[in-house]
PDB file of N, CA and C in Angstrom:
ATOM      1  N   MET A   1      -9.089 -13.704 -11.770  1.00  0.00           N
ATOM      2  CA  MET A   1      -9.091 -13.375 -13.239  1.00  0.00           C
ATOM      3  C   MET A   1      -8.005 -12.693 -13.674  1.00  0.00           C
ATOM      4  N   ALA A   2      -7.256 -13.209 -14.662  1.00  0.00           N
ATOM      5  CA  ALA A   2      -6.083 -12.482 -15.144  1.00  0.00           C
ATOM      6  C   ALA A   2      -6.422 -11.427 -16.282  1.00  0.00           C
ATOM      7  N   ASP A   3      -5.737 -10.345 -16.422  1.00  0.00           N
ATOM      8  CA  ASP A   3      -5.992  -9.569 -17.441  1.00  0.00           C
ATOM      9  C   ASP A   3      -5.045  -9.948 -18.650  1.00  0.00           C
ATOM     10  N   CYS A   4      -5.606  -9.638 -19.818  1.00  0.00           N
ATOM     11  CA  CYS A   4      -4.715  -9.737 -21.121  1.00  0.00           C
ATOM     12  C   CYS A   4      -4.545  -8.407 -21.499  1.00  0.00           C
ATOM     13  N   LEU A   5      -3.409  -8.098 -22.303  1.00  0.00           N
ATOM     14  CA  LEU A   5      -3.194  -6.878 -22.966  1.00  0.00           C
ATOM     15  C   LEU A   5      -3.019  -7.235 -24.484  1.00  0.00           C
ATOM     16  N   PHE A   6      -3.612  -6.432 -25.216  1.00  0.00           N
ATOM     17  CA  PHE A   6      -3.479  -6.459 -26.625  1.00  0.00           C
ATOM     18  C   PHE A   6      -2.583  -5.200 -26.971  1.00  0.00           C
ATOM     19  N   THR A   7      -1.431  -5.328 -27.509  1.00  0.00           N
ATOM     20  CA  THR A   7      -0.651  -4.134 -27.866  1.00  0.00           C
ATOM     21  C   THR A   7      -1.222  -3.603 -29.146  1.00  0.00           C
ATOM     22  N   SER A   8      -1.050  -2.214 -29.322  1.00  0.00           N
ATOM     23  CA  SER A   8      -1.487  -1.539 -30.542  1.00  0.00           C
ATOM     24  C   SER A   8      -0.417  -0.846 -31.172  1.00  0.00           C
ATOM     25  N   ARG A   9      -0.869  -0.195 -32.267  1.00  0.00           N
ATOM     26  CA  ARG A   9       0.184   0.599 -33.045  1.00  0.00           C
ATOM     27  C   ARG A   9       0.213   2.080 -32.529  1.00  0.00           C
ATOM     28  N   GLY A  10      -0.669   2.466 -31.674  1.00  0.00           N
ATOM     29  CA  GLY A  10      -0.628   3.867 -31.107  1.00  0.00           C
ATOM     30  C   GLY A  10      -1.974   4.005 -30.236  1.00  0.00           C
ATOM     31  N   GLN A  11      -1.990   5.073 -29.502  1.00  0.00           N
ATOM     32  CA  GLN A  11      -3.044   5.420 -28.705  1.00  0.00           C
ATOM     33  C   GLN A  11      -4.332   5.456 -29.315  1.00  0.00           C
ATOM     34  N   THR A  12      -4.416   6.146 -30.579  1.00  0.00           N
ATOM     35  CA  THR A  12      -5.705   6.255 -31.315  1.00  0.00           C
ATOM     36  C   THR A  12      -6.209   4.851 -31.846  1.00  0.00           C
ATOM     37  N   ARG A  13      -5.292   4.169 -32.184  1.00  0.00           N
ATOM     38  CA  ARG A  13      -5.812   2.706 -32.572  1.00  0.00           C
ATOM     39  C   ARG A  13      -6.277   1.892 -31.498  1.00  0.00           C
ATOM     40  N   ALA A  14      -5.545   2.061 -30.377  1.00  0.00           N
ATOM     41  CA  ALA A  14      -5.943   1.298 -29.001  1.00  0.00           C
ATOM     42  C   ALA A  14      -7.486   1.909 -28.637  1.00  0.00           C
ATOM     43  N   GLN A  15      -7.827   3.149 -28.854  1.00  0.00           N
ATOM     44  CA  GLN A  15      -9.134   3.537 -28.577  1.00  0.00           C
ATOM     45  C   GLN A  15     -10.176   3.029 -29.510  1.00  0.00           C
ATOM     46  N   LEU A  16      -9.746   2.880 -30.816  1.00  0.00           N
ATOM     47  CA  LEU A  16     -10.735   2.358 -31.857  1.00  0.00           C
ATOM     48  C   LEU A  16     -10.863   0.758 -31.559  1.00  0.00           C
ATOM     49  N   MET A  17      -9.854   0.157 -30.967  1.00  0.00           N
ATOM     50  CA  MET A  17     -10.081  -1.318 -30.513  1.00  0.00           C
ATOM     51  C   MET A  17     -11.078  -1.417 -29.414  1.00  0.00           C
ATOM     52  N   VAL A  18     -10.941  -0.509 -28.512  1.00  0.00           N
ATOM     53  CA  VAL A  18     -11.815  -0.558 -27.349  1.00  0.00           C
ATOM     54  C   VAL A  18     -13.263  -0.256 -27.833  1.00  0.00           C
ATOM     55  N   SER A  19     -13.435   0.664 -28.658  1.00  0.00           N
ATOM     56  CA  SER A  19     -14.750   0.965 -29.071  1.00  0.00           C
ATOM     57  C   SER A  19     -15.388  -0.306 -29.936  1.00  0.00           C
ATOM     58  N   ALA A  20     -14.581  -0.852 -30.744  1.00  0.00           N
ATOM     59  CA  ALA A  20     -15.105  -2.068 -31.445  1.00  0.00           C
ATOM     60  C   ALA A  20     -15.508  -3.101 -30.460  1.00  0.00           C
ATOM     61  N   LEU A  21     -14.619  -3.344 -29.404  1.00  0.00           N
ATOM     62  CA  LEU A  21     -14.931  -4.419 -28.402  1.00  0.00           C
ATOM     63  C   LEU A  21     -16.071  -4.124 -27.619  1.00  0.00           C
ATOM     64  N   LYS A  22     -16.305  -2.778 -27.183  1.00  0.00           N
ATOM     65  CA  LYS A  22     -17.474  -2.532 -26.234  1.00  0.00           C
ATOM     66  C   LYS A  22     -18.620  -2.517 -27.166  1.00  0.00           C
ATOM     67  N   ALA A  23     -18.690  -2.184 -28.542  1.00  0.00           N
ATOM     68  CA  ALA A  23     -19.811  -2.538 -29.328  1.00  0.00           C
ATOM     69  C   ALA A  23     -20.171  -3.874 -29.497  1.00  0.00           C
ATOM     70  N   ALA A  24     -19.250  -4.794 -29.218  1.00  0.00           N
ATOM     71  CA  ALA A  24     -19.562  -6.198 -29.368  1.00  0.00           C
ATOM     72  C   ALA A  24     -19.943  -6.752 -27.980  1.00  0.00           C
ATOM     73  N   GLY A  25     -20.090  -5.990 -26.926  1.00  0.00           N
ATOM     74  CA  GLY A  25     -20.378  -6.391 -25.605  1.00  0.00           C
ATOM     75  C   GLY A  25     -19.195  -6.833 -24.692  1.00  0.00           C
ATOM     76  N   ILE A  26     -17.996  -6.663 -25.157  1.00  0.00           N
ATOM     77  CA  ILE A  26     -16.738  -7.138 -24.442  1.00  0.00           C
ATOM     78  C   ILE A  26     -16.121  -5.962 -23.713  1.00  0.00           C
ATOM     79  N   GLY A  27     -16.021  -6.129 -22.346  1.00  0.00           N
ATOM     80  CA  GLY A  27     -15.432  -5.084 -21.601  1.00  0.00           C
ATOM     81  C   GLY A  27     -13.970  -5.002 -21.865  1.00  0.00           C
ATOM     82  N   ALA A  28     -13.649  -3.726 -22.191  1.00  0.00           N
ATOM     83  CA  ALA A  28     -12.242  -3.343 -22.535  1.00  0.00           C
ATOM     84  C   ALA A  28     -11.833  -1.932 -22.079  1.00  0.00           C
ATOM     85  N   SER A  29     -10.500  -1.646 -22.000  1.00  0.00           N
ATOM     86  CA  SER A  29     -10.077  -0.527 -21.529  1.00  0.00           C
ATOM     87  C   SER A  29      -8.673  -0.163 -22.101  1.00  0.00           C
ATOM     88  N   THR A  30      -8.497   1.097 -22.362  1.00  0.00           N
ATOM     89  CA  THR A  30      -7.003   1.370 -23.001  1.00  0.00           C
ATOM     90  C   THR A  30      -6.143   1.442 -21.634  1.00  0.00           C
ATOM     91  N   ARG A  31      -4.881   1.130 -21.836  1.00  0.00           N
ATOM     92  CA  ARG A  31      -3.963   1.089 -20.718  1.00  0.00           C
ATOM     93  C   ARG A  31      -2.567   1.336 -21.131  1.00  0.00           C
ATOM     94  N   LYS A  32      -1.794   2.051 -20.402  1.00  0.00           N
ATOM     95  CA  LYS A  32      -0.408   2.190 -20.674  1.00  0.00           C
ATOM     96  C   LYS A  32       0.203   0.742 -20.360  1.00  0.00           C
ATOM     97  N   LEU A  33       1.076   0.491 -21.357  1.00  0.00           N
ATOM     98  CA  LEU A  33       1.757  -0.935 -21.309  1.00  0.00           C
ATOM     99  C   LEU A  33       2.863  -0.732 -20.123  1.00  0.00           C
ATOM    100  N   PRO A  34       3.225  -1.978 -19.566  1.00  0.00           N
ATOM    101  CA  PRO A  34       4.343  -2.035 -18.719  1.00  0.00           C
ATOM    102  C   PRO A  34       5.672  -1.705 -19.575  1.00  0.00           C
ATOM    103  N   LEU A  35       6.596  -1.129 -19.093  1.00  0.00           N
ATOM    104  CA  LEU A  35       7.882  -0.814 -19.806  1.00  0.00           C
ATOM    105  C   LEU A  35       8.439  -2.078 -20.451  1.00  0.00           C
ATOM    106  N   LYS A  36       8.258  -3.176 -19.890  1.00  0.00           N
ATOM    107  CA  LYS A  36       8.715  -4.471 -20.444  1.00  0.00           C
ATOM    108  C   LYS A  36       8.069  -4.777 -21.760  1.00  0.00           C
ATOM    109  N   LEU A  37       6.820  -4.301 -21.803  1.00  0.00           N
ATOM    110  CA  LEU A  37       6.065  -4.611 -23.103  1.00  0.00           C
ATOM    111  C   LEU A  37       6.217  -3.537 -24.082  1.00  0.00           C
ATOM    112  N   ALA A  38       6.544  -2.434 -23.780  1.00  0.00           N
ATOM    113  CA  ALA A  38       6.486  -1.405 -24.810  1.00  0.00           C
ATOM    114  C   ALA A  38       7.705  -1.307 -25.599  1.00  0.00           C
ATOM    115  N   ASN A  39       8.446  -2.329 -26.001  1.00  0.00           N
ATOM    116  CA  ASN A  39       9.728  -2.261 -26.664  1.00  0.00           C
ATOM    117  C   ASN A  39       9.559  -2.104 -28.258  1.00  0.00           C
ATOM    118  N   GLU A  40       8.299  -2.044 -28.722  1.00  0.00           N
ATOM    119  CA  GLU A  40       8.135  -1.855 -29.983  1.00  0.00           C
ATOM    120  C   GLU A  40       7.693  -0.339 -30.460  1.00  0.00           C
ATOM    121  N   GLY A  41       7.761   0.531 -29.550  1.00  0.00           N
ATOM    122  CA  GLY A  41       7.535   1.961 -29.717  1.00  0.00           C
ATOM    123  C   GLY A  41       6.283   2.625 -29.128  1.00  0.00           C
ATOM    124  N   CYS A  42       5.247   1.745 -29.179  1.00  0.00           N
ATOM    125  CA  CYS A  42       4.002   2.216 -28.716  1.00  0.00           C
ATOM    126  C   CYS A  42       3.732   1.699 -27.262  1.00  0.00           C
ATOM    127  N   ALA A  43       3.215   2.681 -26.465  1.00  0.00           N
ATOM    128  CA  ALA A  43       3.114   2.504 -24.968  1.00  0.00           C
ATOM    129  C   ALA A  43       1.754   2.149 -24.464  1.00  0.00           C
ATOM    130  N   TYR A  44       0.835   1.955 -25.574  1.00  0.00           N
ATOM    131  CA  TYR A  44      -0.473   1.740 -25.268  1.00  0.00           C
ATOM    132  C   TYR A  44      -1.045   0.395 -25.741  1.00  0.00           C
ATOM    133  N   GLY A  45      -1.915  -0.036 -24.974  1.00  0.00           N
ATOM    134  CA  GLY A  45      -2.657  -1.262 -25.285  1.00  0.00           C
ATOM    135  C   GLY A  45      -4.054  -1.474 -24.853  1.00  0.00           C
ATOM    136  N   VAL A  46      -4.711  -2.582 -24.970  1.00  0.00           N
ATOM    137  CA  VAL A  46      -6.117  -2.640 -24.643  1.00  0.00           C
ATOM    138  C   VAL A  46      -6.133  -3.860 -23.703  1.00  0.00           C
ATOM    139  N   ALA A  47      -6.685  -3.649 -22.582  1.00  0.00           N
ATOM    140  CA  ALA A  47      -6.910  -4.708 -21.525  1.00  0.00           C
ATOM    141  C   ALA A  47      -8.351  -5.293 -21.483  1.00  0.00           C
ATOM    142  N   VAL A  48      -8.206  -6.658 -21.548  1.00  0.00           N
ATOM    143  CA  VAL A  48      -9.607  -7.467 -21.488  1.00  0.00           C
ATOM    144  C   VAL A  48      -9.331  -8.505 -20.433  1.00  0.00           C
ATOM    145  N   ALA A  49     -10.459  -9.022 -20.122  1.00  0.00           N
ATOM    146  CA  ALA A  49     -10.542 -10.112 -19.131  1.00  0.00           C
ATOM    147  C   ALA A  49     -10.002 -11.431 -19.838  1.00  0.00           C
ATOM    148  N   GLU A  50      -9.093 -12.166 -19.315  1.00  0.00           N
ATOM    149  CA  GLU A  50      -8.753 -13.529 -19.963  1.00  0.00           C
ATOM    150  C   GLU A  50      -9.723 -14.309 -20.610  1.00  0.00           C
ATOM    151  N   ASN A  51     -10.909 -14.404 -19.781  1.00  0.00           N
ATOM    152  CA  ASN A  51     -11.987 -15.264 -20.314  1.00  0.00           C
ATOM    153  C   ASN A  51     -12.654 -14.689 -21.745  1.00  0.00           C
ATOM    154  N   ASP A  52     -12.302 -13.409 -21.888  1.00  0.00           N
ATOM    155  CA  ASP A  52     -12.865 -12.810 -23.084  1.00  0.00           C
ATOM    156  C   ASP A  52     -11.904 -12.849 -24.413  1.00  0.00           C
ATOM    157  N   ARG A  53     -10.748 -13.319 -24.090  1.00  0.00           N
ATOM    158  CA  ARG A  53      -9.574 -13.010 -25.049  1.00  0.00           C
ATOM    159  C   ARG A  53      -9.795 -13.612 -26.328  1.00  0.00           C
ATOM    160  N   GLU A  54     -10.308 -14.752 -26.555  1.00  0.00           N
ATOM    161  CA  GLU A  54     -10.488 -15.414 -27.927  1.00  0.00           C
ATOM    162  C   GLU A  54     -11.713 -14.584 -28.659  1.00  0.00           C
ATOM    163  N   ARG A  55     -12.722 -14.319 -27.772  1.00  0.00           N
ATOM    164  CA  ARG A  55     -13.768 -13.558 -28.508  1.00  0.00           C
ATOM    165  C   ARG A  55     -13.384 -12.188 -29.015  1.00  0.00           C
ATOM    166  N   ALA A  56     -12.594 -11.587 -28.188  1.00  0.00           N
ATOM    167  CA  ALA A  56     -12.065 -10.152 -28.362  1.00  0.00           C
ATOM    168  C   ALA A  56     -11.026 -10.312 -29.497  1.00  0.00           C
ATOM    169  N   LEU A  57     -10.281 -11.109 -29.789  1.00  0.00           N
ATOM    170  CA  LEU A  57      -9.318 -11.402 -30.897  1.00  0.00           C
ATOM    171  C   LEU A  57     -10.089 -11.556 -32.182  1.00  0.00           C
ATOM    172  N   ARG A  58     -11.196 -12.450 -32.141  1.00  0.00           N
ATOM    173  CA  ARG A  58     -12.030 -12.663 -33.409  1.00  0.00           C
ATOM    174  C   ARG A  58     -12.582 -11.271 -33.728  1.00  0.00           C
ATOM    175  N   THR A  59     -13.204 -10.583 -32.761  1.00  0.00           N
ATOM    176  CA  THR A  59     -14.005  -9.276 -32.992  1.00  0.00           C
ATOM    177  C   THR A  59     -12.930  -8.450 -33.632  1.00  0.00           C
ATOM    178  N   LEU A  60     -11.748  -8.109 -33.041  1.00  0.00           N
ATOM    179  CA  LEU A  60     -10.676  -7.262 -33.595  1.00  0.00           C
ATOM    180  C   LEU A  60     -10.301  -7.575 -35.101  1.00  0.00           C
ATOM    181  N   ARG A  61     -10.136  -8.931 -35.274  1.00  0.00           N
ATOM    182  CA  ARG A  61      -9.762  -9.266 -36.518  1.00  0.00           C
ATOM    183  C   ARG A  61     -10.755  -8.943 -37.590  1.00  0.00           C
ATOM    184  N   LEU A  62     -12.092  -9.259 -37.186  1.00  0.00           N
ATOM    185  CA  LEU A  62     -13.108  -8.936 -38.172  1.00  0.00           C
ATOM    186  C   LEU A  62     -13.189  -7.392 -38.383  1.00  0.00           C
ATOM    187  N   GLU A  63     -12.982  -6.661 -37.394  1.00  0.00           N
ATOM    188  CA  GLU A  63     -13.028  -5.181 -37.614  1.00  0.00           C
ATOM    189  C   GLU A  63     -11.872  -4.453 -38.235  1.00  0.00           C
ATOM    190  N   GLY A  64     -10.754  -5.395 -38.620  1.00  0.00           N
ATOM    191  CA  GLY A  64      -9.507  -4.845 -39.215  1.00  0.00           C
ATOM    192  C   GLY A  64      -8.716  -4.230 -38.281  1.00  0.00           C
ATOM    193  N   LEU A  65      -8.596  -4.530 -36.948  1.00  0.00           N
ATOM    194  CA  LEU A  65      -7.908  -4.030 -35.903  1.00  0.00           C
ATOM    195  C   LEU A  65      -7.211  -5.001 -35.070  1.00  0.00           C
ATOM    196  N   PRO A  66      -6.460  -5.841 -35.946  1.00  0.00           N
ATOM    197  CA  PRO A  66      -5.810  -6.885 -35.063  1.00  0.00           C
ATOM    198  C   PRO A  66      -4.729  -6.455 -34.245  1.00  0.00           C
ATOM    199  N   PRO A  67      -4.407  -6.930 -32.842  1.00  0.00           N
ATOM    200  CA  PRO A  67      -3.333  -6.478 -32.106  1.00  0.00           C
ATOM    201  C   PRO A  67      -2.012  -6.898 -32.610  1.00  0.00           C
ATOM    202  N   ARG A  68      -0.938  -6.133 -32.231  1.00  0.00           N
ATOM    203  CA  ARG A  68       0.432  -6.551 -32.592  1.00  0.00           C
ATOM    204  C   ARG A  68       0.899  -7.869 -31.915  1.00  0.00           C
ATOM    205  N   ARG A  69       0.546  -7.828 -30.500  1.00  0.00           N
ATOM    206  CA  ARG A  69       0.947  -9.053 -29.695  1.00  0.00           C
ATOM    207  C   ARG A  69      -0.121  -9.002 -28.504  1.00  0.00           C
ATOM    208  N   VAL A  70      -0.233 -10.276 -28.087  1.00  0.00           N
ATOM    209  CA  VAL A  70      -1.206 -10.544 -27.060  1.00  0.00           C
ATOM    210  C   VAL A  70      -0.379 -11.069 -25.806  1.00  0.00           C
ATOM    211  N   TYR A  71      -0.670 -10.411 -24.624  1.00  0.00           N
ATOM    212  CA  TYR A  71       0.004 -10.902 -23.407  1.00  0.00           C
ATOM    213  C   TYR A  71      -1.018 -11.183 -22.250  1.00  0.00           C
ATOM    214  N   CYS A  72      -0.779 -12.110 -21.597  1.00  0.00           N
ATOM    215  CA  CYS A  72      -1.633 -12.436 -20.337  1.00  0.00           C
ATOM    216  C   CYS A  72      -0.710 -12.514 -19.076  1.00  0.00           C
ATOM    217  N   GLU A  73      -1.333 -11.918 -18.050  1.00  0.00           N
ATOM    218  CA  GLU A  73      -0.632 -11.879 -16.853  1.00  0.00           C
ATOM    219  C   GLU A  73      -0.591 -13.148 -16.153  1.00  0.00           C
ATOM    220  N   ARG A  74       0.574 -13.700 -15.786  1.00  0.00           N
ATOM    221  CA  ARG A  74       0.847 -15.065 -15.171  1.00  0.00           C
ATOM    222  C   ARG A  74       1.630 -14.628 -13.864  1.00  0.00           C
ATOM    223  N   GLY A  75       0.966 -14.700 -12.685  1.00  0.00           N
ATOM    224  CA  GLY A  75       1.573 -14.364 -11.459  1.00  0.00           C
ATOM    225  C   GLY A  75       1.905 -12.857 -11.523  1.00  0.00           C
ATOM    226  N   TYR A  76       3.270 -12.685 -11.519  1.00  0.00           N
ATOM    227  CA  TYR A  76       3.655 -11.325 -11.530  1.00  0.00           C
ATOM    228  C   TYR A  76       4.431 -10.892 -12.656  1.00  0.00           C
ATOM    229  N   ASP A  77       4.241 -11.682 -13.792  1.00  0.00           N
ATOM    230  CA  ASP A  77       4.741 -11.412 -15.027  1.00  0.00           C
ATOM    231  C   ASP A  77       3.847 -11.561 -16.354  1.00  0.00           C
ATOM    232  N   TRP A  78       4.243 -10.986 -17.350  1.00  0.00           N
ATOM    233  CA  TRP A  78       3.488 -11.018 -18.620  1.00  0.00           C
ATOM    234  C   TRP A  78       3.974 -11.985 -19.507  1.00  0.00           C
ATOM    235  N   THR A  79       3.275 -12.828 -20.073  1.00  0.00           N
ATOM    236  CA  THR A  79       3.545 -14.026 -21.028  1.00  0.00           C
ATOM    237  C   THR A  79       2.882 -13.700 -22.315  1.00  0.00           C
ATOM    238  N   GLU A  80       3.822 -13.701 -23.444  1.00  0.00           N
ATOM    239  CA  GLU A  80       3.161 -13.580 -24.728  1.00  0.00           C
ATOM    240  C   GLU A  80       2.340 -14.941 -25.099  1.00  0.00           C
ATOM    241  N   VAL A  81       1.121 -14.665 -25.420  1.00  0.00           N
ATOM    242  CA  VAL A  81       0.292 -15.852 -25.781  1.00  0.00           C
ATOM    243  C   VAL A  81      -0.263 -15.863 -27.165  1.00  0.00           C
ATOM    244  N   GLY A  82       0.121 -14.805 -28.004  1.00  0.00           N
ATOM    245  CA  GLY A  82      -0.269 -14.883 -29.407  1.00  0.00           C
ATOM    246  C   GLY A  82      -0.074 -13.500 -30.044  1.00  0.00           C
ATOM    247  N   ARG A  83      -0.324 -13.523 -31.245  1.00  0.00           N
ATOM    248  CA  ARG A  83      -0.314 -12.227 -32.118  1.00  0.00           C
ATOM    249  C   ARG A  83      -1.510 -12.030 -32.848  1.00  0.00           C
TER     250      ARG A  83
END
């Protein structure tokens, strides 16, 4: 199972995203982003299982907390899969 990372605008927003996902029954946690992904200023994101990605995105958009970018781990690298 590969992890997906949703980048956020800051640590506090990432924590709000995790709270919204957990309230919807989706496992999530805040995580420091790999340096390669932290090029937009924020170093925090939200990790979810790849099989929960679409449901998590819908939940976050409904709650007004859309991620900046979405990455999934492919092998030893992160690939952007959406916004």
